[in-house]
Amino acid sequence: MASWVQRTGKRGVSAYVEALIQRQLERDRLRELIEDAEGEHGPVDQASVEAKRAQLRGGTAGSADAT
């Protein structure tokens, strides 16, 4: 807790904790969305994810699914 106070000051701890909680709630909602999508469409194909990632980074995609 002392490191929080050093980073935020005494009055900023509450805002810092609130931001942490908001971030965790966003992650929880994202996880729920992913679980719902995977339940409906099946698990994500990791090779397709990597191909899209390469395409977004300007690399060459090794899969026809990358377009």
PDB file of N, CA and C in Angstrom:
ATOM      1  N   MET A   1       0.821  -1.187   0.000  1.00  0.00           N
ATOM      2  CA  MET A   1       0.000   0.000   0.000  1.00  0.00           C
ATOM      3  C   MET A   1       0.870   1.258   0.000  1.00  0.00           C
ATOM      4  N   ALA A   2       2.030   1.189   0.590  1.00  0.00           N
ATOM      5  CA  ALA A   2       2.908   2.349   0.629  1.00  0.00           C
ATOM      6  C   ALA A   2       3.330   2.771  -0.773  1.00  0.00           C
ATOM      7  N   SER A   3       3.538   1.802  -1.649  1.00  0.00           N
ATOM      8  CA  SER A   3       3.936   2.155  -3.018  1.00  0.00           C
ATOM      9  C   SER A   3       2.815   2.887  -3.746  1.00  0.00           C
ATOM     10  N   TRP A   4       1.550   2.570  -3.448  1.00  0.00           N
ATOM     11  CA  TRP A   4       0.431   3.297  -4.052  1.00  0.00           C
ATOM     12  C   TRP A   4       0.441   4.745  -3.619  1.00  0.00           C
ATOM     13  N   VAL A   5       0.668   4.949  -2.331  1.00  0.00           N
ATOM     14  CA  VAL A   5       0.679   6.309  -1.799  1.00  0.00           C
ATOM     15  C   VAL A   5       1.815   7.101  -2.431  1.00  0.00           C
ATOM     16  N   GLN A   6       2.974   6.466  -2.602  1.00  0.00           N
ATOM     17  CA  GLN A   6       4.091   7.146  -3.248  1.00  0.00           C
ATOM     18  C   GLN A   6       3.738   7.525  -4.685  1.00  0.00           C
ATOM     19  N   ARG A   7       3.052   6.659  -5.397  1.00  0.00           N
ATOM     20  CA  ARG A   7       2.694   6.928  -6.791  1.00  0.00           C
ATOM     21  C   ARG A   7       1.576   7.949  -6.923  1.00  0.00           C
ATOM     22  N   THR A   8       0.636   7.917  -6.014  1.00  0.00           N
ATOM     23  CA  THR A   8      -0.588   8.693  -6.205  1.00  0.00           C
ATOM     24  C   THR A   8      -0.788   9.829  -5.221  1.00  0.00           C
ATOM     25  N   GLY A   9      -0.061   9.841  -4.119  1.00  0.00           N
ATOM     26  CA  GLY A   9      -0.340  10.797  -3.056  1.00  0.00           C
ATOM     27  C   GLY A   9      -1.513  10.285  -2.233  1.00  0.00           C
ATOM     28  N   LYS A  10      -1.691  10.791  -1.045  1.00  0.00           N
ATOM     29  CA  LYS A  10      -2.739  10.291  -0.152  1.00  0.00           C
ATOM     30  C   LYS A  10      -4.128  10.396  -0.764  1.00  0.00           C
ATOM     31  N   ARG A  11      -4.410  11.459  -1.434  1.00  0.00           N
ATOM     32  CA  ARG A  11      -5.752  11.660  -1.985  1.00  0.00           C
ATOM     33  C   ARG A  11      -5.977  10.877  -3.267  1.00  0.00           C
ATOM     34  N   GLY A  12      -4.912  10.466  -3.922  1.00  0.00           N
ATOM     35  CA  GLY A  12      -5.069   9.765  -5.181  1.00  0.00           C
ATOM     36  C   GLY A  12      -5.266   8.267  -5.051  1.00  0.00           C
ATOM     37  N   VAL A  13      -5.103   7.712  -3.855  1.00  0.00           N
ATOM     38  CA  VAL A  13      -5.230   6.267  -3.677  1.00  0.00           C
ATOM     39  C   VAL A  13      -6.633   5.809  -4.045  1.00  0.00           C
ATOM     40  N   SER A  14      -7.634   6.517  -3.626  1.00  0.00           N
ATOM     41  CA  SER A  14      -9.011   6.135  -3.911  1.00  0.00           C
ATOM     42  C   SER A  14      -9.270   6.108  -5.421  1.00  0.00           C
ATOM     43  N   ALA A  15      -8.807   7.105  -6.116  1.00  0.00           N
ATOM     44  CA  ALA A  15      -8.982   7.154  -7.570  1.00  0.00           C
ATOM     45  C   ALA A  15      -8.194   6.034  -8.237  1.00  0.00           C
ATOM     46  N   TYR A  16      -7.024   5.734  -7.716  1.00  0.00           N
ATOM     47  CA  TYR A  16      -6.189   4.659  -8.253  1.00  0.00           C
ATOM     48  C   TYR A  16      -6.890   3.319  -8.092  1.00  0.00           C
ATOM     49  N   VAL A  17      -7.440   3.078  -6.910  1.00  0.00           N
ATOM     50  CA  VAL A  17      -8.151   1.830  -6.652  1.00  0.00           C
ATOM     51  C   VAL A  17      -9.394   1.746  -7.535  1.00  0.00           C
ATOM     52  N   GLU A  18     -10.098   2.834  -7.686  1.00  0.00           N
ATOM     53  CA  GLU A  18     -11.281   2.847  -8.553  1.00  0.00           C
ATOM     54  C   GLU A  18     -10.904   2.509  -9.998  1.00  0.00           C
ATOM     55  N   ALA A  19      -9.806   3.059 -10.473  1.00  0.00           N
ATOM     56  CA  ALA A  19      -9.344   2.760 -11.834  1.00  0.00           C
ATOM     57  C   ALA A  19      -8.970   1.281 -11.967  1.00  0.00           C
ATOM     58  N   LEU A  20      -8.342   0.710 -10.941  1.00  0.00           N
ATOM     59  CA  LEU A  20      -8.012  -0.711 -10.960  1.00  0.00           C
ATOM     60  C   LEU A  20      -9.268  -1.565 -11.040  1.00  0.00           C
ATOM     61  N   ILE A  21     -10.270  -1.207 -10.267  1.00  0.00           N
ATOM     62  CA  ILE A  21     -11.526  -1.953 -10.281  1.00  0.00           C
ATOM     63  C   ILE A  21     -12.194  -1.837 -11.644  1.00  0.00           C
ATOM     64  N   GLN A  22     -12.222  -0.638 -12.212  1.00  0.00           N
ATOM     65  CA  GLN A  22     -12.819  -0.449 -13.537  1.00  0.00           C
ATOM     66  C   GLN A  22     -12.101  -1.285 -14.588  1.00  0.00           C
ATOM     67  N   ARG A  23     -10.794  -1.308 -14.515  1.00  0.00           N
ATOM     68  CA  ARG A  23     -10.015  -2.103 -15.464  1.00  0.00           C
ATOM     69  C   ARG A  23     -10.337  -3.586 -15.332  1.00  0.00           C
ATOM     70  N   GLN A  24     -10.452  -4.065 -14.098  1.00  0.00           N
ATOM     71  CA  GLN A  24     -10.777  -5.475 -13.883  1.00  0.00           C
ATOM     72  C   GLN A  24     -12.182  -5.792 -14.383  1.00  0.00           C
ATOM     73  N   LEU A  25     -13.132  -4.901 -14.154  1.00  0.00           N
ATOM     74  CA  LEU A  25     -14.489  -5.113 -14.656  1.00  0.00           C
ATOM     75  C   LEU A  25     -14.505  -5.176 -16.182  1.00  0.00           C
ATOM     76  N   GLU A  26     -13.725  -4.313 -16.837  1.00  0.00           N
ATOM     77  CA  GLU A  26     -13.626  -4.349 -18.300  1.00  0.00           C
ATOM     78  C   GLU A  26     -13.052  -5.683 -18.767  1.00  0.00           C
ATOM     79  N   ARG A  27     -12.036  -6.159 -18.082  1.00  0.00           N
ATOM     80  CA  ARG A  27     -11.432  -7.457 -18.432  1.00  0.00           C
ATOM     81  C   ARG A  27     -12.435  -8.591 -18.227  1.00  0.00           C
ATOM     82  N   ASP A  28     -13.190  -8.518 -17.140  1.00  0.00           N
ATOM     83  CA  ASP A  28     -14.201  -9.544 -16.882  1.00  0.00           C
ATOM     84  C   ASP A  28     -15.263  -9.548 -17.984  1.00  0.00           C
ATOM     85  N   ARG A  29     -15.712  -8.369 -18.391  1.00  0.00           N
ATOM     86  CA  ARG A  29     -16.714  -8.278 -19.466  1.00  0.00           C
ATOM     87  C   ARG A  29     -16.148  -8.784 -20.783  1.00  0.00           C
ATOM     88  N   LEU A  30     -14.890  -8.467 -21.063  1.00  0.00           N
ATOM     89  CA  LEU A  30     -14.252  -8.949 -22.284  1.00  0.00           C
ATOM     90  C   LEU A  30     -14.148 -10.465 -22.266  1.00  0.00           C
ATOM     91  N   ARG A  31     -13.752 -11.032 -21.138  1.00  0.00           N
ATOM     92  CA  ARG A  31     -13.667 -12.496 -21.001  1.00  0.00           C
ATOM     93  C   ARG A  31     -15.030 -13.119 -21.257  1.00  0.00           C
ATOM     94  N   GLU A  32     -16.112 -12.529 -20.703  1.00  0.00           N
ATOM     95  CA  GLU A  32     -17.466 -13.040 -20.924  1.00  0.00           C
ATOM     96  C   GLU A  32     -17.845 -12.980 -22.397  1.00  0.00           C
ATOM     97  N   LEU A  33     -17.496 -11.897 -23.070  1.00  0.00           N
ATOM     98  CA  LEU A  33     -17.775 -11.753 -24.494  1.00  0.00           C
ATOM     99  C   LEU A  33     -17.054 -12.823 -25.301  1.00  0.00           C
ATOM    100  N   ILE A  34     -15.793 -13.054 -24.979  1.00  0.00           N
ATOM    101  CA  ILE A  34     -15.004 -14.077 -25.666  1.00  0.00           C
ATOM    102  C   ILE A  34     -15.618 -15.458 -25.432  1.00  0.00           C
ATOM    103  N   GLU A  35     -15.998 -15.740 -24.195  1.00  0.00           N
ATOM    104  CA  GLU A  35     -16.597 -17.037 -23.877  1.00  0.00           C
ATOM    105  C   GLU A  35     -17.908 -17.239 -24.635  1.00  0.00           C
ATOM    106  N   ASP A  36     -18.730 -16.193 -24.720  1.00  0.00           N
ATOM    107  CA  ASP A  36     -19.984 -16.279 -25.475  1.00  0.00           C
ATOM    108  C   ASP A  36     -19.717 -16.536 -26.952  1.00  0.00           C
ATOM    109  N   ALA A  37     -18.754 -15.806 -27.519  1.00  0.00           N
ATOM    110  CA  ALA A  37     -18.432 -15.968 -28.936  1.00  0.00           C
ATOM    111  C   ALA A  37     -17.880 -17.362 -29.217  1.00  0.00           C
ATOM    112  N   GLU A  38     -17.021 -17.846 -28.338  1.00  0.00           N
ATOM    113  CA  GLU A  38     -16.469 -19.189 -28.524  1.00  0.00           C
ATOM    114  C   GLU A  38     -17.547 -20.253 -28.356  1.00  0.00           C
ATOM    115  N   GLY A  39     -18.510 -20.014 -27.477  1.00  0.00           N
ATOM    116  CA  GLY A  39     -19.618 -20.946 -27.314  1.00  0.00           C
ATOM    117  C   GLY A  39     -20.472 -21.020 -28.561  1.00  0.00           C
ATOM    118  N   GLU A  40     -20.626 -19.899 -29.233  1.00  0.00           N
ATOM    119  CA  GLU A  40     -21.449 -19.841 -30.445  1.00  0.00           C
ATOM    120  C   GLU A  40     -20.688 -20.284 -31.688  1.00  0.00           C
ATOM    121  N   HIS A  41     -19.409 -19.902 -31.802  1.00  0.00           N
ATOM    122  CA  HIS A  41     -18.644 -20.120 -33.034  1.00  0.00           C
ATOM    123  C   HIS A  41     -17.500 -21.115 -32.898  1.00  0.00           C
ATOM    124  N   GLY A  42     -17.255 -21.601 -31.707  1.00  0.00           N
ATOM    125  CA  GLY A  42     -16.132 -22.495 -31.484  1.00  0.00           C
ATOM    126  C   GLY A  42     -14.892 -21.707 -31.097  1.00  0.00           C
ATOM    127  N   PRO A  43     -13.839 -22.415 -30.694  1.00  0.00           N
ATOM    128  CA  PRO A  43     -12.617 -21.730 -30.247  1.00  0.00           C
ATOM    129  C   PRO A  43     -11.920 -21.000 -31.399  1.00  0.00           C
ATOM    130  N   VAL A  44     -11.153 -20.021 -31.030  1.00  0.00           N
ATOM    131  CA  VAL A  44     -10.406 -19.218 -31.989  1.00  0.00           C
ATOM    132  C   VAL A  44      -9.269 -20.056 -32.570  1.00  0.00           C
ATOM    133  N   ASP A  45      -9.095 -19.970 -33.883  1.00  0.00           N
ATOM    134  CA  ASP A  45      -7.985 -20.645 -34.554  1.00  0.00           C
ATOM    135  C   ASP A  45      -6.736 -19.783 -34.375  1.00  0.00           C
ATOM    136  N   GLN A  46      -5.792 -20.276 -33.596  1.00  0.00           N
ATOM    137  CA  GLN A  46      -4.599 -19.492 -33.263  1.00  0.00           C
ATOM    138  C   GLN A  46      -3.781 -19.126 -34.496  1.00  0.00           C
ATOM    139  N   ALA A  47      -3.751 -19.993 -35.510  1.00  0.00           N
ATOM    140  CA  ALA A  47      -3.012 -19.682 -36.738  1.00  0.00           C
ATOM    141  C   ALA A  47      -3.631 -18.481 -37.442  1.00  0.00           C
ATOM    142  N   SER A  48      -4.957 -18.383 -37.431  1.00  0.00           N
ATOM    143  CA  SER A  48      -5.629 -17.230 -38.044  1.00  0.00           C
ATOM    144  C   SER A  48      -5.329 -15.953 -37.273  1.00  0.00           C
ATOM    145  N   VAL A  49      -5.280 -16.069 -35.957  1.00  0.00           N
ATOM    146  CA  VAL A  49      -4.957 -14.905 -35.127  1.00  0.00           C
ATOM    147  C   VAL A  49      -3.557 -14.406 -35.459  1.00  0.00           C
ATOM    148  N   GLU A  50      -2.605 -15.317 -35.558  1.00  0.00           N
ATOM    149  CA  GLU A  50      -1.226 -14.928 -35.869  1.00  0.00           C
ATOM    150  C   GLU A  50      -1.124 -14.324 -37.268  1.00  0.00           C
ATOM    151  N   ALA A  51      -1.879 -14.859 -38.213  1.00  0.00           N
ATOM    152  CA  ALA A  51      -1.862 -14.320 -39.572  1.00  0.00           C
ATOM    153  C   ALA A  51      -2.415 -12.895 -39.590  1.00  0.00           C
ATOM    154  N   LYS A  52      -3.515 -12.666 -38.866  1.00  0.00           N
ATOM    155  CA  LYS A  52      -4.083 -11.309 -38.787  1.00  0.00           C
ATOM    156  C   LYS A  52      -3.116 -10.364 -38.086  1.00  0.00           C
ATOM    157  N   ARG A  53      -2.486 -10.845 -37.034  1.00  0.00           N
ATOM    158  CA  ARG A  53      -1.518 -10.026 -36.298  1.00  0.00           C
ATOM    159  C   ARG A  53      -0.371  -9.605 -37.216  1.00  0.00           C
ATOM    160  N   ALA A  54       0.139 -10.538 -37.994  1.00  0.00           N
ATOM    161  CA  ALA A  54       1.224 -10.237 -38.934  1.00  0.00           C
ATOM    162  C   ALA A  54       0.761  -9.223 -39.969  1.00  0.00           C
ATOM    163  N   GLN A  55      -0.450  -9.389 -40.453  1.00  0.00           N
ATOM    164  CA  GLN A  55      -0.995  -8.464 -41.453  1.00  0.00           C
ATOM    165  C   GLN A  55      -1.114  -7.057 -40.866  1.00  0.00           C
ATOM    166  N   LEU A  56      -1.606  -6.952 -39.645  1.00  0.00           N
ATOM    167  CA  LEU A  56      -1.754  -5.642 -39.009  1.00  0.00           C
ATOM    168  C   LEU A  56      -0.410  -4.972 -38.745  1.00  0.00           C
ATOM    169  N   ARG A  57       0.604  -5.782 -38.509  1.00  0.00           N
ATOM    170  CA  ARG A  57       1.938  -5.242 -38.251  1.00  0.00           C
ATOM    171  C   ARG A  57       2.724  -5.001 -39.532  1.00  0.00           C
ATOM    172  N   GLY A  58       2.098  -5.265 -40.664  1.00  0.00           N
ATOM    173  CA  GLY A  58       2.767  -4.984 -41.931  1.00  0.00           C
ATOM    174  C   GLY A  58       3.600  -6.147 -42.458  1.00  0.00           C
ATOM    175  N   GLY A  59       3.530  -7.275 -41.776  1.00  0.00           N
ATOM    176  CA  GLY A  59       4.262  -8.457 -42.246  1.00  0.00           C
ATOM    177  C   GLY A  59       3.452  -9.194 -43.276  1.00  0.00           C
ATOM    178  N   THR A  60       3.978 -10.296 -43.720  1.00  0.00           N
ATOM    179  CA  THR A  60       3.244 -11.103 -44.679  1.00  0.00           C
ATOM    180  C   THR A  60       2.449 -12.151 -43.921  1.00  0.00           C
ATOM    181  N   ALA A  61       1.249 -12.364 -44.347  1.00  0.00           N
ATOM    182  CA  ALA A  61       0.399 -13.355 -43.711  1.00  0.00           C
ATOM    183  C   ALA A  61       0.606 -14.702 -44.369  1.00  0.00           C
ATOM    184  N   GLY A  62       0.732 -15.739 -43.576  1.00  0.00           N
ATOM    185  CA  GLY A  62       0.965 -17.066 -44.112  1.00  0.00           C
ATOM    186  C   GLY A  62      -0.293 -17.864 -44.313  1.00  0.00           C
ATOM    187  N   SER A  63      -1.476 -17.210 -44.256  1.00  0.00           N
ATOM    188  CA  SER A  63      -2.725 -17.940 -44.361  1.00  0.00           C
ATOM    189  C   SER A  63      -3.695 -17.192 -45.264  1.00  0.00           C
ATOM    190  N   ALA A  64      -4.495 -17.947 -46.001  1.00  0.00           N
ATOM    191  CA  ALA A  64      -5.522 -17.340 -46.853  1.00  0.00           C
ATOM    192  C   ALA A  64      -6.582 -16.655 -46.003  1.00  0.00           C
ATOM    193  N   ASP A  65      -6.726 -17.043 -44.730  1.00  0.00           N
ATOM    194  CA  ASP A  65      -7.701 -16.439 -43.834  1.00  0.00           C
ATOM    195  C   ASP A  65      -7.308 -15.027 -43.429  1.00  0.00           C
ATOM    196  N   ALA A  66      -6.113 -14.604 -43.758  1.00  0.00           N
ATOM    197  CA  ALA A  66      -5.597 -13.315 -43.293  1.00  0.00           C
ATOM    198  C   ALA A  66      -6.106 -12.150 -44.097  1.00  0.00           C
ATOM    199  N   THR A  67      -6.882 -12.340 -45.107  1.00  0.00           N
ATOM    200  CA  THR A  67      -7.395 -11.241 -45.903  1.00  0.00           C
ATOM    201  C   THR A  67      -8.701 -10.737 -45.383  1.00  0.00           C
TER     202      THR A  67
END
